Structures are given as C-alpha cells and as structure tokens.
Amino acid sequence: MSLPAKRRKFDLEEEQSVEGYIHSVSPIKTSKNNNRYFNAVVQESDKFTDLVSYKADLHEQMEDMEKKK
C-alpha cells in the first residue's frame, strides 16, 4: 500500500504567481466550520494543480478566467 503524496500548503501572506489556464471552478461551498470556499484546477504548461480558495470574493474572477480560455 503506497502513501498519498504530501500536499504543499502555501503561506497566505506569501504571494504566489502561476501562469496557466483555470478549469473546473466549483460553486461556492460551506465547510462544517462555516468557512466559504471553492475548488478549481490550474493547468500549467507541464502539469495540472488542484486549487482550494477560501477567498470567496475571488470566485467570480476565477469563473471569468475559466470562460476566457
């Protein structure tokens, strides 16, 4: 039985720059702790990365980016 790969967590204060396409933006969801979040996928030139954002105010921007492929 293999162990799942470790997932990297990023410091929210540290700015991250990614160049790619946005796919599969989910509707805004609410966690058990009443935190609002959404999921998306970022397609870079060589890989796909799952994204979870707790900044619900970015949701509309992400949906727009997804449509402007």
Protein backbone atom coordinates (compact mmCIF):
# COMPACT_ATOMS: atom_id res chain seq x y z
CA MET A 1 0.00 0.00 0.00
CA SER A 2 1.52 3.33 -1.01
CA LEU A 3 1.10 6.52 0.93
CA PRO A 4 -0.51 9.54 -0.73
CA ALA A 5 1.86 12.26 -1.89
CA LYS A 6 2.32 15.14 0.51
CA ARG A 7 0.40 18.23 -0.42
CA ARG A 8 2.10 21.58 -0.21
CA LYS A 9 0.48 24.32 1.80
CA PHE A 10 1.29 27.89 0.98
CA ASP A 11 1.62 30.75 3.39
CA LEU A 12 -1.33 33.06 2.80
CA GLU A 13 0.93 36.09 3.24
CA GLU A 14 3.33 34.88 0.55
CA GLU A 15 2.34 35.92 -2.97
CA GLN A 16 2.31 33.08 -5.49
CA SER A 17 2.50 33.61 -9.23
CA VAL A 18 1.19 30.96 -11.61
CA GLU A 19 0.80 31.15 -15.38
CA GLY A 20 -1.79 28.87 -16.92
CA TYR A 21 -5.46 28.19 -17.53
CA ILE A 22 -8.27 27.85 -14.98
CA HIS A 23 -10.66 24.88 -15.26
CA SER A 24 -13.48 23.30 -13.25
CA VAL A 25 -14.36 26.19 -10.94
CA SER A 26 -16.84 24.76 -8.44
CA PRO A 27 -19.76 26.60 -6.88
CA ILE A 28 -19.01 28.24 -3.53
CA LYS A 29 -19.34 25.68 -0.76
CA THR A 30 -19.55 25.99 3.03
CA SER A 31 -17.46 23.77 5.28
CA LYS A 32 -18.57 22.21 8.55
CA ASN A 33 -16.88 25.16 10.28
CA ASN A 34 -18.92 27.64 8.20
CA ASN A 35 -15.92 28.65 6.07
CA ARG A 36 -16.81 29.51 2.48
CA TYR A 37 -14.54 28.06 -0.22
CA PHE A 38 -14.39 26.85 -3.80
CA ASN A 39 -12.21 24.49 -5.83
CA ALA A 40 -10.61 24.86 -9.25
CA VAL A 41 -7.87 23.33 -11.37
CA VAL A 42 -4.89 25.28 -12.72
CA GLN A 43 -3.37 23.95 -15.97
CA GLU A 44 0.26 24.98 -16.35
CA SER A 45 2.43 24.07 -19.32
CA ASP A 46 3.59 20.82 -17.73
CA LYS A 47 1.06 19.91 -15.02
CA PHE A 48 -2.40 20.29 -13.52
CA THR A 49 -2.78 21.52 -9.93
CA ASP A 50 -5.87 21.35 -7.72
CA LEU A 51 -6.69 24.64 -6.02
CA VAL A 52 -8.78 25.39 -2.94
CA SER A 53 -9.53 29.05 -2.22
CA TYR A 54 -11.07 30.38 0.97
CA LYS A 55 -11.40 33.83 -0.62
CA ALA A 56 -14.95 33.55 -1.88
CA ASP A 57 -14.72 37.07 -3.32
CA LEU A 58 -12.29 35.68 -5.96
CA HIS A 59 -14.87 33.17 -7.17
CA GLU A 60 -16.41 35.43 -9.81
CA GLN A 61 -12.97 36.38 -11.16
CA MET A 62 -12.00 32.72 -11.43
CA GLU A 63 -15.21 31.91 -13.29
CA ASP A 64 -14.47 34.75 -15.73
CA MET A 65 -10.92 33.46 -16.25
CA GLU A 66 -12.30 29.97 -16.91
CA LYS A 67 -14.59 31.33 -19.66
CA LYS A 68 -11.81 33.37 -21.34
CA LYS A 69 -9.69 30.40 -22.45
